[in-house]
Amino acid sequence: MESLKKNKEFKKVYENGKSYATRNLVIYCLDYEKGKKNRYGLSVSKKIGNAVVRNKLKRRLREIIREFEKEKVFKGYDIIFIARQPVVQLDYQDLKRDVKKLYKKMNII
């Protein structure tokens, strides 16, 4: 899984990409080049919780993304996930269901 690291890359996705949202997550996606690997960015605010909570959420999101990457073939997107406050109360399966909803809204699965 490749990641977006530079502020410039995040800004490009925010400004030119499309966004979709659920109660717990927001996703921004930008189609940048077909055939290349997807690049992901994860944004979890300090408002969500302390460092332990934020890192746990990021680890879960990364694992869910890996699972979807294995089973579905969609390539060439820059994707940013932004966590909202209620996400803290979700368990792994609910979080996975939320990510799946967002991918369906994007029409990539």
C-alpha atoms as a PDB file:
ATOM      1  CA  MET A   1       0.000   0.000   0.000  1.00  0.00           C
ATOM      2  CA  GLU A   2       1.530   3.284  -1.091  1.00  0.00           C
ATOM      3  CA  SER A   3       0.777   6.381   0.910  1.00  0.00           C
ATOM      4  CA  LEU A   4       0.388  10.073   0.286  1.00  0.00           C
ATOM      5  CA  LYS A   5       3.019  11.846   2.341  1.00  0.00           C
ATOM      6  CA  LYS A   6       3.483  15.408   1.180  1.00  0.00           C
ATOM      7  CA  ASN A   7       1.148  18.264   1.948  1.00  0.00           C
ATOM      8  CA  LYS A   8       1.145  19.126  -1.766  1.00  0.00           C
ATOM      9  CA  GLU A   9      -0.269  15.673  -2.620  1.00  0.00           C
ATOM     10  CA  PHE A  10      -3.027  16.012  -0.012  1.00  0.00           C
ATOM     11  CA  LYS A  11      -3.960  19.493  -1.248  1.00  0.00           C
ATOM     12  CA  LYS A  12      -4.202  18.275  -4.832  1.00  0.00           C
ATOM     13  CA  VAL A  13      -6.682  15.562  -3.828  1.00  0.00           C
ATOM     14  CA  TYR A  14      -8.699  17.967  -1.635  1.00  0.00           C
ATOM     15  CA  GLU A  15      -8.942  20.588  -4.394  1.00  0.00           C
ATOM     16  CA  ASN A  16      -9.489  18.384  -7.460  1.00  0.00           C
ATOM     17  CA  GLY A  17     -10.988  15.179  -6.064  1.00  0.00           C
ATOM     18  CA  LYS A  18     -14.534  14.170  -5.250  1.00  0.00           C
ATOM     19  CA  SER A  19     -15.694  13.588  -1.700  1.00  0.00           C
ATOM     20  CA  TYR A  20     -18.156  11.141  -0.240  1.00  0.00           C
ATOM     21  CA  ALA A  21     -19.190  10.820   3.380  1.00  0.00           C
ATOM     22  CA  THR A  22     -20.853   8.649   5.952  1.00  0.00           C
ATOM     23  CA  ARG A  23     -21.523   9.511   9.573  1.00  0.00           C
ATOM     24  CA  ASN A  24     -18.109   8.211  10.619  1.00  0.00           C
ATOM     25  CA  LEU A  25     -15.779   8.724   7.654  1.00  0.00           C
ATOM     26  CA  VAL A  26     -15.162  11.055   4.736  1.00  0.00           C
ATOM     27  CA  ILE A  27     -13.321   9.930   1.636  1.00  0.00           C
ATOM     28  CA  TYR A  28     -11.698  12.103  -1.017  1.00  0.00           C
ATOM     29  CA  CYS A  29     -10.644  10.408  -4.233  1.00  0.00           C
ATOM     30  CA  LEU A  30      -8.850  11.609  -7.324  1.00  0.00           C
ATOM     31  CA  ASP A  31      -8.299   9.500 -10.419  1.00  0.00           C
ATOM     32  CA  TYR A  32      -4.661  10.230 -11.228  1.00  0.00           C
ATOM     33  CA  GLU A  33      -3.319   7.518 -13.541  1.00  0.00           C
ATOM     34  CA  LYS A  34      -4.888   4.228 -14.619  1.00  0.00           C
ATOM     35  CA  GLY A  35      -2.848   1.104 -14.039  1.00  0.00           C
ATOM     36  CA  LYS A  36      -0.715   2.505 -11.228  1.00  0.00           C
ATOM     37  CA  LYS A  37      -1.129   1.499  -7.596  1.00  0.00           C
ATOM     38  CA  ASN A  38      -3.571   3.362  -5.412  1.00  0.00           C
ATOM     39  CA  ARG A  39      -2.060   5.821  -2.965  1.00  0.00           C
ATOM     40  CA  TYR A  40      -3.723   6.405   0.394  1.00  0.00           C
ATOM     41  CA  GLY A  41      -3.696   9.109   3.018  1.00  0.00           C
ATOM     42  CA  LEU A  42      -5.218   8.815   6.484  1.00  0.00           C
ATOM     43  CA  SER A  43      -6.242  11.851   8.472  1.00  0.00           C
ATOM     44  CA  VAL A  44      -7.250  11.468  12.114  1.00  0.00           C
ATOM     45  CA  SER A  45      -7.630  14.643  14.153  1.00  0.00           C
ATOM     46  CA  LYS A  46      -6.539  15.056  17.756  1.00  0.00           C
ATOM     47  CA  LYS A  47     -10.221  15.632  18.525  1.00  0.00           C
ATOM     48  CA  ILE A  48     -10.788  11.905  17.932  1.00  0.00           C
ATOM     49  CA  GLY A  49      -8.728  10.851  20.939  1.00  0.00           C
ATOM     50  CA  ASN A  50      -5.240  10.430  22.307  1.00  0.00           C
ATOM     51  CA  ALA A  51      -2.347   8.977  20.305  1.00  0.00           C
ATOM     52  CA  VAL A  52      -3.209   5.387  21.242  1.00  0.00           C
ATOM     53  CA  VAL A  53      -6.766   5.746  19.935  1.00  0.00           C
ATOM     54  CA  ARG A  54      -5.693   7.522  16.747  1.00  0.00           C
ATOM     55  CA  ASN A  55      -2.999   4.970  15.938  1.00  0.00           C
ATOM     56  CA  LYS A  56      -5.358   2.061  16.597  1.00  0.00           C
ATOM     57  CA  LEU A  57      -7.861   3.582  14.188  1.00  0.00           C
ATOM     58  CA  LYS A  58      -5.183   4.102  11.528  1.00  0.00           C
ATOM     59  CA  ARG A  59      -3.971   0.499  11.891  1.00  0.00           C
ATOM     60  CA  ARG A  60      -7.532  -0.757  11.455  1.00  0.00           C
ATOM     61  CA  LEU A  61      -8.107   1.415   8.399  1.00  0.00           C
ATOM     62  CA  ARG A  62      -4.849   0.231   6.810  1.00  0.00           C
ATOM     63  CA  GLU A  63      -5.812  -3.403   7.318  1.00  0.00           C
ATOM     64  CA  ILE A  64      -9.293  -2.842   5.870  1.00  0.00           C
ATOM     65  CA  ILE A  65      -7.767  -1.102   2.856  1.00  0.00           C
ATOM     66  CA  ARG A  66      -5.391  -4.046   2.341  1.00  0.00           C
ATOM     67  CA  GLU A  67      -8.334  -6.462   2.399  1.00  0.00           C
ATOM     68  CA  PHE A  68     -10.213  -4.466  -0.240  1.00  0.00           C
ATOM     69  CA  GLU A  69      -7.073  -4.147  -2.361  1.00  0.00           C
ATOM     70  CA  LYS A  70      -6.741  -7.947  -2.416  1.00  0.00           C
ATOM     71  CA  GLU A  71     -10.306  -8.707  -3.455  1.00  0.00           C
ATOM     72  CA  LYS A  72     -11.114  -5.786  -5.764  1.00  0.00           C
ATOM     73  CA  VAL A  73      -9.081  -4.503  -8.665  1.00  0.00           C
ATOM     74  CA  PHE A  74      -9.304  -0.741  -8.932  1.00  0.00           C
ATOM     75  CA  LYS A  75      -6.117   1.112  -9.616  1.00  0.00           C
ATOM     76  CA  GLY A  76      -4.903   4.599 -10.227  1.00  0.00           C
ATOM     77  CA  TYR A  77      -6.582   6.563  -7.428  1.00  0.00           C
ATOM     78  CA  ASP A  78      -5.330   8.910  -4.756  1.00  0.00           C
ATOM     79  CA  ILE A  79      -7.608   8.293  -1.769  1.00  0.00           C
ATOM     80  CA  ILE A  80      -7.780  10.129   1.554  1.00  0.00           C
ATOM     81  CA  PHE A  81      -9.798   8.868   4.513  1.00  0.00           C
ATOM     82  CA  ILE A  82     -10.788  11.395   7.169  1.00  0.00           C
ATOM     83  CA  ALA A  83     -12.123  10.121  10.490  1.00  0.00           C
ATOM     84  CA  ARG A  84     -15.038  11.856  12.192  1.00  0.00           C
ATOM     85  CA  GLN A  85     -15.726  11.859  15.932  1.00  0.00           C
ATOM     86  CA  PRO A  86     -18.250   8.949  16.138  1.00  0.00           C
ATOM     87  CA  VAL A  87     -15.718   6.555  14.577  1.00  0.00           C
ATOM     88  CA  VAL A  88     -14.212   5.857  18.018  1.00  0.00           C
ATOM     89  CA  GLN A  89     -17.259   3.807  19.019  1.00  0.00           C
ATOM     90  CA  LEU A  90     -17.063   1.474  15.999  1.00  0.00           C
ATOM     91  CA  ASP A  91     -15.631  -1.999  16.152  1.00  0.00           C
ATOM     92  CA  TYR A  92     -13.628  -3.489  13.286  1.00  0.00           C
ATOM     93  CA  GLN A  93     -16.607  -4.931  11.364  1.00  0.00           C
ATOM     94  CA  ASP A  94     -18.611  -1.691  11.545  1.00  0.00           C
ATOM     95  CA  LEU A  95     -15.605   0.276  10.339  1.00  0.00           C
ATOM     96  CA  LYS A  96     -15.165  -2.155   7.455  1.00  0.00           C
ATOM     97  CA  ARG A  97     -18.852  -1.779   6.563  1.00  0.00           C
ATOM     98  CA  ASP A  98     -18.421   2.010   6.508  1.00  0.00           C
ATOM     99  CA  VAL A  99     -15.406   1.799   4.199  1.00  0.00           C
ATOM    100  CA  LYS A 100     -17.338  -0.519   1.888  1.00  0.00           C
ATOM    101  CA  LYS A 101     -20.223   2.002   1.734  1.00  0.00           C
ATOM    102  CA  LEU A 102     -17.795   4.728   0.731  1.00  0.00           C
ATOM    103  CA  TYR A 103     -16.213   2.565  -1.978  1.00  0.00           C
ATOM    104  CA  LYS A 104     -19.700   1.830  -3.330  1.00  0.00           C
ATOM    105  CA  LYS A 105     -20.496   5.538  -3.390  1.00  0.00           C
ATOM    106  CA  MET A 106     -17.313   6.027  -5.425  1.00  0.00           C
ATOM    107  CA  ASN A 107     -18.562   3.340  -7.854  1.00  0.00           C
ATOM    108  CA  ILE A 108     -15.307   1.421  -7.738  1.00  0.00           C
ATOM    109  CA  ILE A 109     -16.658  -1.798  -6.233  1.00  0.00           C
END
